[in-house]
């Protein structure tokens, strides 16, 4: 990828503290994920979830889970944040007590993070345009991202 779009992706990723060198080794290999990301627009929701999150009927699903822990929630979240413009996110408040490492990850990656109950997050996920399932096996490693625009 070259030109202004590359600069936008790199700039957005740098703001979030993500290393966003665009090279053939870092390109998304999953064609279903690439296509789904290309269809997203301003205000669309993207649920990035662990292997145990119930997936609602309706949203497009890209299941990346290979085995427990692969790929991790952090790897997938960082990859998506390098590709998308994100206005904010919503996660389950329970993550703070049950999974402090993921809570810290969300706090550092998403300055506009809103916390709701896990039950509420499951309700909200039904309105997502895309669900990206990871192989994450730690509890409450889920976030509903809200897509923004680059201008």
C-alpha atoms as a PDB file:
ATOM      1  CA  UNK A   1       0.000   0.000   0.000  1.00  0.00           C
ATOM      2  CA  UNK A   2       1.396   3.382  -0.921  1.00  0.00           C
ATOM      3  CA  UNK A   3       0.389   7.015  -1.018  1.00  0.00           C
ATOM      4  CA  UNK A   4      -1.836   9.075   1.290  1.00  0.00           C
ATOM      5  CA  UNK A   5      -3.699   6.081   2.704  1.00  0.00           C
ATOM      6  CA  UNK A   6      -0.453   4.581   3.972  1.00  0.00           C
ATOM      7  CA  UNK A   7       0.468   7.847   5.669  1.00  0.00           C
ATOM      8  CA  UNK A   8      -2.949   8.014   7.323  1.00  0.00           C
ATOM      9  CA  UNK A   9      -2.637   4.474   8.648  1.00  0.00           C
ATOM     10  CA  UNK A  10       0.870   5.100   9.904  1.00  0.00           C
ATOM     11  CA  UNK A  11      -0.140   8.395  11.494  1.00  0.00           C
ATOM     12  CA  UNK A  12      -3.160   6.885  13.249  1.00  0.00           C
ATOM     13  CA  UNK A  13      -1.124   3.949  14.487  1.00  0.00           C
ATOM     14  CA  UNK A  14       1.646   6.237  15.746  1.00  0.00           C
ATOM     15  CA  UNK A  15      -0.922   8.216  17.770  1.00  0.00           C
ATOM     16  CA  UNK A  16      -1.967   4.962  19.440  1.00  0.00           C
ATOM     17  CA  UNK A  17       1.617   3.905  20.057  1.00  0.00           C
ATOM     18  CA  UNK A  18       1.491   1.025  17.601  1.00  0.00           C
ATOM     19  CA  UNK A  19       4.402   0.207  15.318  1.00  0.00           C
ATOM     20  CA  UNK A  20       2.773   0.551  11.905  1.00  0.00           C
ATOM     21  CA  UNK A  21       5.468  -0.114   9.344  1.00  0.00           C
ATOM     22  CA  UNK A  22       3.632  -1.311   6.294  1.00  0.00           C
ATOM     23  CA  UNK A  23       5.455  -4.251   4.747  1.00  0.00           C
ATOM     24  CA  UNK A  24       4.589  -7.564   3.178  1.00  0.00           C
ATOM     25  CA  UNK A  25       5.320  -9.291   6.510  1.00  0.00           C
ATOM     26  CA  UNK A  26       2.792  -7.118   8.352  1.00  0.00           C
ATOM     27  CA  UNK A  27       0.021  -7.161   5.753  1.00  0.00           C
ATOM     28  CA  UNK A  28      -3.234  -8.815   6.762  1.00  0.00           C
ATOM     29  CA  UNK A  29      -3.263 -12.278   5.245  1.00  0.00           C
ATOM     30  CA  UNK A  30      -6.903 -13.098   5.951  1.00  0.00           C
ATOM     31  CA  UNK A  31      -8.896 -12.091   2.875  1.00  0.00           C
ATOM     32  CA  UNK A  32     -12.200 -12.238   4.756  1.00  0.00           C
ATOM     33  CA  UNK A  33     -10.929  -9.767   7.346  1.00  0.00           C
ATOM     34  CA  UNK A  34      -9.479  -7.475   4.664  1.00  0.00           C
ATOM     35  CA  UNK A  35     -12.793  -7.401   2.811  1.00  0.00           C
ATOM     36  CA  UNK A  36     -14.834  -6.816   5.956  1.00  0.00           C
ATOM     37  CA  UNK A  37     -12.612  -3.919   7.061  1.00  0.00           C
ATOM     38  CA  UNK A  38     -12.900  -2.300   3.647  1.00  0.00           C
ATOM     39  CA  UNK A  39     -16.687  -2.191   4.013  1.00  0.00           C
ATOM     40  CA  UNK A  40     -16.720  -0.382   7.377  1.00  0.00           C
ATOM     41  CA  UNK A  41     -17.874   3.203   7.667  1.00  0.00           C
ATOM     42  CA  UNK A  42     -18.176   5.980  10.229  1.00  0.00           C
ATOM     43  CA  UNK A  43     -20.100   4.848  13.299  1.00  0.00           C
ATOM     44  CA  UNK A  44     -19.900   1.132  12.525  1.00  0.00           C
ATOM     45  CA  UNK A  45     -19.159  -1.205  15.406  1.00  0.00           C
ATOM     46  CA  UNK A  46     -16.459  -3.862  15.419  1.00  0.00           C
ATOM     47  CA  UNK A  47     -16.539  -6.400  18.235  1.00  0.00           C
ATOM     48  CA  UNK A  48     -13.113  -7.879  18.946  1.00  0.00           C
ATOM     49  CA  UNK A  49     -13.768 -10.825  21.208  1.00  0.00           C
ATOM     50  CA  UNK A  50     -12.230 -13.743  23.029  1.00  0.00           C
ATOM     51  CA  UNK A  51     -13.015 -17.349  22.174  1.00  0.00           C
ATOM     52  CA  UNK A  52     -15.809 -17.552  24.763  1.00  0.00           C
ATOM     53  CA  UNK A  53     -17.882 -14.483  23.872  1.00  0.00           C
ATOM     54  CA  UNK A  54     -21.315 -15.420  22.523  1.00  0.00           C
ATOM     55  CA  UNK A  55     -21.500 -14.231  18.920  1.00  0.00           C
ATOM     56  CA  UNK A  56     -24.840 -12.648  18.073  1.00  0.00           C
ATOM     57  CA  UNK A  57     -26.823 -13.383  14.922  1.00  0.00           C
ATOM     58  CA  UNK A  58     -26.596 -10.602  12.392  1.00  0.00           C
ATOM     59  CA  UNK A  59     -23.085  -9.158  12.230  1.00  0.00           C
ATOM     60  CA  UNK A  60     -20.544 -10.444   9.753  1.00  0.00           C
ATOM     61  CA  UNK A  61     -18.119 -12.760  11.577  1.00  0.00           C
ATOM     62  CA  UNK A  62     -14.448 -13.310  10.864  1.00  0.00           C
ATOM     63  CA  UNK A  63     -13.276 -16.126  13.119  1.00  0.00           C
ATOM     64  CA  UNK A  64      -9.495 -15.987  13.480  1.00  0.00           C
ATOM     65  CA  UNK A  65      -9.342 -18.468  16.389  1.00  0.00           C
ATOM     66  CA  UNK A  66      -6.899 -21.281  15.692  1.00  0.00           C
ATOM     67  CA  UNK A  67      -6.386 -22.705  19.183  1.00  0.00           C
ATOM     68  CA  UNK A  68      -6.538 -21.394  22.747  1.00  0.00           C
ATOM     69  CA  UNK A  69      -4.539 -18.173  22.850  1.00  0.00           C
ATOM     70  CA  UNK A  70      -3.844 -18.012  19.103  1.00  0.00           C
ATOM     71  CA  UNK A  71      -4.148 -15.345  17.931  1.00  0.00           C
ATOM     72  CA  UNK A  72      -4.214 -13.335  21.109  1.00  0.00           C
ATOM     73  CA  UNK A  73      -6.658 -10.516  21.766  1.00  0.00           C
ATOM     74  CA  UNK A  74      -3.747  -8.054  21.971  1.00  0.00           C
ATOM     75  CA  UNK A  75      -2.328  -9.071  18.574  1.00  0.00           C
ATOM     76  CA  UNK A  76      -5.670  -8.728  16.844  1.00  0.00           C
ATOM     77  CA  UNK A  77      -6.593  -5.480  18.596  1.00  0.00           C
ATOM     78  CA  UNK A  78      -3.254  -3.886  17.703  1.00  0.00           C
ATOM     79  CA  UNK A  79      -3.600  -5.028  14.112  1.00  0.00           C
ATOM     80  CA  UNK A  80      -7.089  -3.588  13.822  1.00  0.00           C
ATOM     81  CA  UNK A  81      -6.102  -0.303  15.443  1.00  0.00           C
ATOM     82  CA  UNK A  82      -3.290   0.011  12.900  1.00  0.00           C
ATOM     83  CA  UNK A  83      -5.836  -0.342  10.084  1.00  0.00           C
ATOM     84  CA  UNK A  84      -8.876   1.556  11.372  1.00  0.00           C
ATOM     85  CA  UNK A  85      -9.693   5.020  12.571  1.00  0.00           C
ATOM     86  CA  UNK A  86     -11.377   4.396  15.926  1.00  0.00           C
ATOM     87  CA  UNK A  87     -13.346   6.991  17.904  1.00  0.00           C
ATOM     88  CA  UNK A  88     -13.635   4.899  21.035  1.00  0.00           C
ATOM     89  CA  UNK A  89     -14.629   1.586  22.490  1.00  0.00           C
ATOM     90  CA  UNK A  90     -16.848  -0.157  24.995  1.00  0.00           C
ATOM     91  CA  UNK A  91     -15.765  -3.034  27.229  1.00  0.00           C
ATOM     92  CA  UNK A  92     -17.141  -4.968  30.180  1.00  0.00           C
ATOM     93  CA  UNK A  93     -16.411  -3.416  33.573  1.00  0.00           C
ATOM     94  CA  UNK A  94     -15.679  -6.936  34.857  1.00  0.00           C
ATOM     95  CA  UNK A  95     -12.391  -6.911  32.919  1.00  0.00           C
ATOM     96  CA  UNK A  96     -10.834  -4.727  35.632  1.00  0.00           C
ATOM     97  CA  UNK A  97     -11.034  -7.430  38.315  1.00  0.00           C
ATOM     98  CA  UNK A  98     -10.923 -10.607  36.240  1.00  0.00           C
ATOM     99  CA  UNK A  99      -8.278  -9.700  33.669  1.00  0.00           C
ATOM    100  CA  UNK A 100      -6.104  -6.727  34.710  1.00  0.00           C
ATOM    101  CA  UNK A 101      -3.654  -7.209  31.818  1.00  0.00           C
ATOM    102  CA  UNK A 102      -6.419  -6.775  29.251  1.00  0.00           C
ATOM    103  CA  UNK A 103      -7.852  -3.843  31.211  1.00  0.00           C
ATOM    104  CA  UNK A 104      -4.463  -2.126  31.043  1.00  0.00           C
ATOM    105  CA  UNK A 105      -4.164  -2.905  27.328  1.00  0.00           C
ATOM    106  CA  UNK A 106      -7.573  -1.352  26.659  1.00  0.00           C
ATOM    107  CA  UNK A 107      -6.751   1.706  28.765  1.00  0.00           C
ATOM    108  CA  UNK A 108      -3.519   2.342  26.875  1.00  0.00           C
ATOM    109  CA  UNK A 109      -4.920   1.699  23.392  1.00  0.00           C
ATOM    110  CA  UNK A 110      -8.326   3.380  23.740  1.00  0.00           C
ATOM    111  CA  UNK A 111      -8.381   6.741  25.508  1.00  0.00           C
ATOM    112  CA  UNK A 112     -12.147   6.920  24.897  1.00  0.00           C
ATOM    113  CA  UNK A 113     -13.062   3.674  26.665  1.00  0.00           C
ATOM    114  CA  UNK A 114     -16.510   3.253  28.198  1.00  0.00           C
ATOM    115  CA  UNK A 115     -17.236   0.447  30.647  1.00  0.00           C
ATOM    116  CA  UNK A 116     -20.583  -1.324  30.904  1.00  0.00           C
ATOM    117  CA  UNK A 117     -21.697  -4.625  32.399  1.00  0.00           C
ATOM    118  CA  UNK A 118     -20.801  -7.780  30.485  1.00  0.00           C
ATOM    119  CA  UNK A 119     -24.513  -8.383  29.920  1.00  0.00           C
ATOM    120  CA  UNK A 120     -24.855  -4.907  28.391  1.00  0.00           C
ATOM    121  CA  UNK A 121     -21.803  -5.472  26.178  1.00  0.00           C
ATOM    122  CA  UNK A 122     -23.423  -8.651  24.847  1.00  0.00           C
ATOM    123  CA  UNK A 123     -26.584  -6.659  24.067  1.00  0.00           C
ATOM    124  CA  UNK A 124     -24.596  -3.910  22.326  1.00  0.00           C
ATOM    125  CA  UNK A 125     -22.628  -6.432  20.284  1.00  0.00           C
ATOM    126  CA  UNK A 126     -25.802  -7.386  18.412  1.00  0.00           C
ATOM    127  CA  UNK A 127     -25.579  -3.973  16.714  1.00  0.00           C
ATOM    128  CA  UNK A 128     -21.995  -4.490  15.539  1.00  0.00           C
ATOM    129  CA  UNK A 129     -21.336  -4.572  11.808  1.00  0.00           C
ATOM    130  CA  UNK A 130     -18.384  -6.944  12.248  1.00  0.00           C
ATOM    131  CA  UNK A 131     -17.265  -9.481  14.851  1.00  0.00           C
ATOM    132  CA  UNK A 132     -13.613 -10.543  14.897  1.00  0.00           C
ATOM    133  CA  UNK A 133     -13.168 -13.615  17.094  1.00  0.00           C
ATOM    134  CA  UNK A 134      -9.706 -14.262  18.487  1.00  0.00           C
ATOM    135  CA  UNK A 135      -8.304 -17.349  20.170  1.00  0.00           C
ATOM    136  CA  UNK A 136      -7.932 -15.446  23.451  1.00  0.00           C
ATOM    137  CA  UNK A 137      -8.642 -17.727  26.431  1.00  0.00           C
ATOM    138  CA  UNK A 138      -8.568 -15.136  29.242  1.00  0.00           C
ATOM    139  CA  UNK A 139     -11.921 -13.798  30.497  1.00  0.00           C
ATOM    140  CA  UNK A 140     -13.521 -10.525  29.398  1.00  0.00           C
ATOM    141  CA  UNK A 141     -11.036  -9.865  26.573  1.00  0.00           C
ATOM    142  CA  UNK A 142     -13.709  -8.158  24.485  1.00  0.00           C
ATOM    143  CA  UNK A 143     -14.168  -4.648  23.144  1.00  0.00           C
ATOM    144  CA  UNK A 144     -16.709  -3.039  20.858  1.00  0.00           C
ATOM    145  CA  UNK A 145     -14.834  -0.497  18.732  1.00  0.00           C
ATOM    146  CA  UNK A 146     -16.606   2.499  17.186  1.00  0.00           C
ATOM    147  CA  UNK A 147     -15.228   3.430  13.758  1.00  0.00           C
ATOM    148  CA  UNK A 148     -14.425   7.031  13.010  1.00  0.00           C
ATOM    149  CA  UNK A 149     -13.303   8.901   9.910  1.00  0.00           C
ATOM    150  CA  UNK A 150      -9.841  10.117   8.959  1.00  0.00           C
ATOM    151  CA  UNK A 151     -10.907  13.759   8.476  1.00  0.00           C
END
